[in-house]
Every structure is written in structure tokens, then in C-alpha cells.
Amino acid sequence: MRINGFFLFCCACVPGAGQMYLGYMKRGLCLISLFCLNLMFCMMLPFLGVFLPVIWMYAFFDSFNLRRQLRTGNFPMDDYLFHPEQDQTLARLLHARHRLAGWVLVAIGAYALYENFFSYMLWDLLDALPQLMFLRGLMNNLPSVVVAVVLILAGLHLVRGKKEPLPPADEDYRDYGDQK
């Protein structure tokens, strides 16, 4: 198979298309799906946009790495990038920490709801009631304040640690100094 370098460059500019041009359909599908999902989530949570250039650069340079491997006669197997059914680590983590994962999802959902809906309502309320002007500073920094409070509470919880259970109240139990 002859690989046109210019056409590969053009395809590599679209995440996953370079891999598909080289015949790696599963790998390309994973990359373009990952990029599109991240793009979709960026519309709700703009801070997730930090991952878009990472995915794009990985896909871009991976297509040229695949071309180099193909030229040297090494033909890597076309496979999906993720195997959630085979990787039991995530399943065990989610099973053991399902409450933590639930709270993370609730926090992300609450932030998205605030950012996309409630913040506009609160700004309109502040504009309508001039006596609430002191709340403008809080409204400008509300997500940062909430994250800071959550981090402080989580830190206090970790510093406090787990409470040691009291020993059972047995009649045979005696303190070290009690020799009766």
C-alpha cells in the first residue's frame, strides 16, 4: 500500500481519520469517538476543553507513528484503544467506591446545572434587585468558592481519619494496670 504523505497529513488533522486512512479502523473510531464525546461534554462543562488538544495531538502523532511502523514492516494489530470488559480495575474501583463515584457525578451535574441554567437566573435576579449588589462578588466566584469549601471539608475528613472502634464490653476485659 502506497501512503501519500500529504494526504496522511490532511487526514491526521482530524482525530482518527489518519488511523482510518492507514487501515486502522477500530483505533480511528475510538479516537474520533473520544474527541467527539469530549467536545460534546465541553459544551456543558467548558473546563473539559483542556483534554481536546491532548486527544488531537495524540491522534495526530499516532498516525505518523503508525506510518513509520508500517514502513519498517511492523504491522501492529488494529484494536480498540479501550477494553472496559477486560479491564477489571475500573470495575473493582467503581464497585468499592460507588458512593464516591456517585458524589462525583452529582457534583459534575450540579455544576453543569448551575453553569448552564441557574447562574443566568441569579444574574437576572441581581439586576432586578439592586439591594443585593453585595452578592455580585460571590456570584462571580461561586464555582471557585464551592470547590474550595469541598476541598477543605475533604481535607478535614482525611485529617480526622477513621475513628477506632471501642473494644467490646466483656467482663473478662481488664486494663493493663488493673491486676485484680
Protein backbone atom coordinates (compact mmCIF):
# COMPACT_ATOMS: atom_id res chain seq x y z
CA MET A 1 0.00 0.00 0.00
CA ARG A 2 1.41 3.35 -1.01
CA ILE A 3 0.87 6.04 1.62
CA ASN A 4 0.61 9.60 0.34
CA GLY A 5 2.34 11.83 2.92
CA PHE A 6 0.34 14.96 2.12
CA PHE A 7 -2.98 13.10 2.24
CA LEU A 8 -1.92 11.48 5.53
CA PHE A 9 -1.12 14.93 6.93
CA CYS A 10 -4.55 16.20 5.90
CA CYS A 11 -6.28 13.18 7.42
CA ALA A 12 -4.16 13.36 10.59
CA CYS A 13 -5.53 16.83 11.26
CA VAL A 14 -8.88 15.18 12.05
CA PRO A 15 -8.59 12.90 15.11
CA GLY A 16 -8.97 9.28 13.99
CA ALA A 17 -9.04 9.97 10.26
CA GLY A 18 -5.30 9.40 9.86
CA GLN A 19 -5.59 6.00 11.51
CA MET A 20 -8.53 5.12 9.29
CA TYR A 21 -6.57 6.18 6.19
CA LEU A 22 -3.84 3.75 7.24
CA GLY A 23 -6.41 0.96 7.62
CA TYR A 24 -6.75 1.05 11.41
CA MET A 25 -10.50 1.45 11.60
CA LYS A 26 -11.03 0.40 15.21
CA ARG A 27 -8.29 2.67 16.50
CA GLY A 28 -9.56 5.57 14.39
CA LEU A 29 -13.13 5.01 15.53
CA CYS A 30 -12.04 5.12 19.18
CA LEU A 31 -10.12 8.35 18.68
CA ILE A 32 -12.83 10.16 16.77
CA SER A 33 -15.46 8.97 19.27
CA LEU A 34 -13.36 10.12 22.19
CA PHE A 35 -12.79 13.51 20.58
CA CYS A 36 -16.49 13.99 19.75
CA LEU A 37 -17.62 12.91 23.24
CA ASN A 38 -15.18 15.31 24.83
CA LEU A 39 -16.35 18.07 22.50
CA MET A 40 -19.96 17.36 23.48
CA PHE A 41 -19.14 17.44 27.20
CA CYS A 42 -17.20 20.69 26.69
CA MET A 43 -20.44 22.36 25.71
CA MET A 44 -21.83 21.57 29.16
CA LEU A 45 -18.61 21.80 31.17
CA PRO A 46 -16.14 24.12 29.47
CA PHE A 47 -13.21 23.14 31.69
CA LEU A 48 -13.13 19.73 29.99
CA GLY A 49 -11.84 21.51 26.90
CA VAL A 50 -8.34 21.05 28.27
CA PHE A 51 -8.46 17.45 27.01
CA LEU A 52 -9.31 18.34 23.39
CA PRO A 53 -5.75 19.33 22.38
CA VAL A 54 -4.36 16.28 24.17
CA ILE A 55 -6.62 13.93 22.20
CA TRP A 56 -5.94 15.81 18.97
CA MET A 57 -2.14 15.69 19.43
CA TYR A 58 -2.23 12.00 20.35
CA ALA A 59 -4.25 11.16 17.25
CA PHE A 60 -2.07 13.35 15.01
CA PHE A 61 1.24 11.88 16.12
CA ASP A 62 -0.13 8.34 16.39
CA SER A 63 -1.00 8.38 12.69
CA PHE A 64 2.61 9.25 11.79
CA ASN A 65 3.89 6.66 14.24
CA LEU A 66 1.70 4.05 12.55
CA ARG A 67 3.07 5.09 9.15
CA ARG A 68 6.64 4.67 10.46
CA GLN A 69 5.82 1.23 11.83
CA LEU A 70 4.20 0.17 8.58
CA ARG A 71 7.25 1.31 6.59
CA THR A 72 9.59 -0.76 8.80
CA GLY A 73 7.48 -3.87 8.25
CA ASN A 74 5.96 -3.89 11.72
CA PHE A 75 2.21 -4.24 11.32
CA PRO A 76 0.53 -3.60 14.70
CA MET A 77 -2.83 -5.22 15.20
CA ASP A 78 -5.86 -2.99 14.73
CA ASP A 79 -7.61 -2.99 18.07
CA TYR A 80 -9.78 -0.73 20.17
CA LEU A 81 -7.89 1.61 22.48
CA PHE A 82 -10.12 0.75 25.44
CA HIS A 83 -11.31 -2.62 26.67
CA PRO A 84 -13.68 -1.93 29.55
CA GLU A 85 -14.94 -5.52 29.60
CA GLN A 86 -11.41 -6.90 30.09
CA ASP A 87 -10.03 -4.26 32.46
CA GLN A 88 -11.46 -5.17 35.83
CA THR A 89 -9.55 -2.43 37.69
CA LEU A 90 -12.13 0.24 36.92
CA ALA A 91 -14.99 -2.14 37.70
CA ARG A 92 -13.45 -3.02 41.08
CA LEU A 93 -12.80 0.64 41.85
CA LEU A 94 -16.36 1.64 40.97
CA HIS A 95 -17.76 -1.27 42.96
CA ALA A 96 -15.68 -0.46 46.02
CA ARG A 97 -16.12 3.30 45.75
CA HIS A 98 -19.54 3.53 44.16
CA ARG A 99 -20.64 6.22 46.61
CA LEU A 100 -17.62 8.34 45.75
CA ALA A 101 -18.29 7.93 42.02
CA GLY A 102 -21.92 8.84 42.66
CA TRP A 103 -20.99 12.02 44.52
CA VAL A 104 -18.54 12.99 41.76
CA LEU A 105 -21.31 12.57 39.19
CA VAL A 106 -23.73 14.58 41.36
CA ALA A 107 -21.13 17.36 41.73
CA ILE A 108 -20.45 17.49 37.98
CA GLY A 109 -24.18 17.51 37.25
CA ALA A 110 -24.83 20.24 39.82
CA TYR A 111 -22.03 22.34 38.38
CA ALA A 112 -23.36 21.90 34.85
CA LEU A 113 -26.87 22.78 36.01
CA TYR A 114 -25.60 25.89 37.79
CA GLU A 115 -23.38 26.98 34.90
CA ASN A 116 -26.00 26.48 32.20
CA PHE A 117 -29.22 27.41 33.97
CA PHE A 118 -29.18 28.82 37.49
CA SER A 119 -26.37 31.34 37.04
CA TYR A 120 -28.42 33.20 34.43
CA MET A 121 -31.44 33.29 36.71
CA LEU A 122 -29.37 34.57 39.62
CA TRP A 123 -27.77 37.31 37.48
CA ASP A 124 -31.24 38.45 36.37
CA LEU A 125 -32.36 38.48 40.00
CA LEU A 126 -29.32 40.57 40.99
CA ASP A 127 -30.05 43.01 38.17
CA ALA A 128 -33.69 43.34 39.28
CA LEU A 129 -32.89 43.87 42.96
CA PRO A 130 -30.17 46.49 43.43
CA GLN A 131 -30.15 45.95 47.21
CA LEU A 132 -28.47 42.56 46.55
CA MET A 133 -25.42 44.13 44.84
CA PHE A 134 -23.14 42.73 47.56
CA LEU A 135 -23.80 39.26 46.15
CA ARG A 136 -22.18 40.09 42.79
CA GLY A 137 -18.71 39.20 44.09
CA LEU A 138 -19.98 35.87 45.36
CA MET A 139 -21.75 35.17 42.06
CA ASN A 140 -18.57 35.88 40.09
CA ASN A 141 -16.63 33.36 42.16
CA LEU A 142 -19.31 30.87 43.23
CA PRO A 143 -17.84 27.80 41.48
CA SER A 144 -14.40 28.55 42.93
CA VAL A 145 -15.86 29.08 46.40
CA VAL A 146 -17.78 25.80 46.24
CA VAL A 147 -14.69 23.87 45.08
CA ALA A 148 -12.61 25.46 47.85
CA VAL A 149 -15.17 24.54 50.51
CA VAL A 150 -15.40 20.96 49.21
CA LEU A 151 -11.59 20.64 49.24
CA ILE A 152 -11.39 21.99 52.79
CA LEU A 153 -14.10 19.60 54.00
CA ALA A 154 -12.46 16.65 52.24
CA GLY A 155 -9.11 17.60 53.77
CA LEU A 156 -10.61 17.83 57.25
CA HIS A 157 -12.25 14.45 56.76
CA LEU A 158 -8.90 12.93 55.75
CA VAL A 159 -7.03 14.59 58.62
CA ARG A 160 -9.58 13.40 61.15
CA GLY A 161 -9.27 9.84 59.86
CA LYS A 162 -11.34 6.88 60.88
CA LYS A 163 -12.42 6.52 64.47
CA GLU A 164 -11.09 3.44 66.19
CA PRO A 165 -13.87 1.15 67.40
CA LEU A 166 -14.14 0.69 71.15
CA PRO A 167 -13.30 -2.78 72.44
CA PRO A 168 -16.28 -4.97 73.34
CA ALA A 169 -17.55 -4.61 76.88
CA ASP A 170 -16.50 -8.01 78.23
CA GLU A 171 -16.40 -8.92 81.87
CA ASP A 172 -13.03 -10.59 81.26
CA TYR A 173 -11.54 -7.41 79.83
CA ARG A 174 -9.13 -5.64 82.16
CA ASP A 175 -6.96 -2.61 81.66
CA TYR A 176 -3.19 -3.10 81.69
CA GLY A 177 -2.76 -1.61 85.18
CA ASP A 178 -5.75 -3.48 86.63
CA GLN A 179 -4.32 -6.70 88.15
CA LYS A 180 -7.29 -7.91 90.23
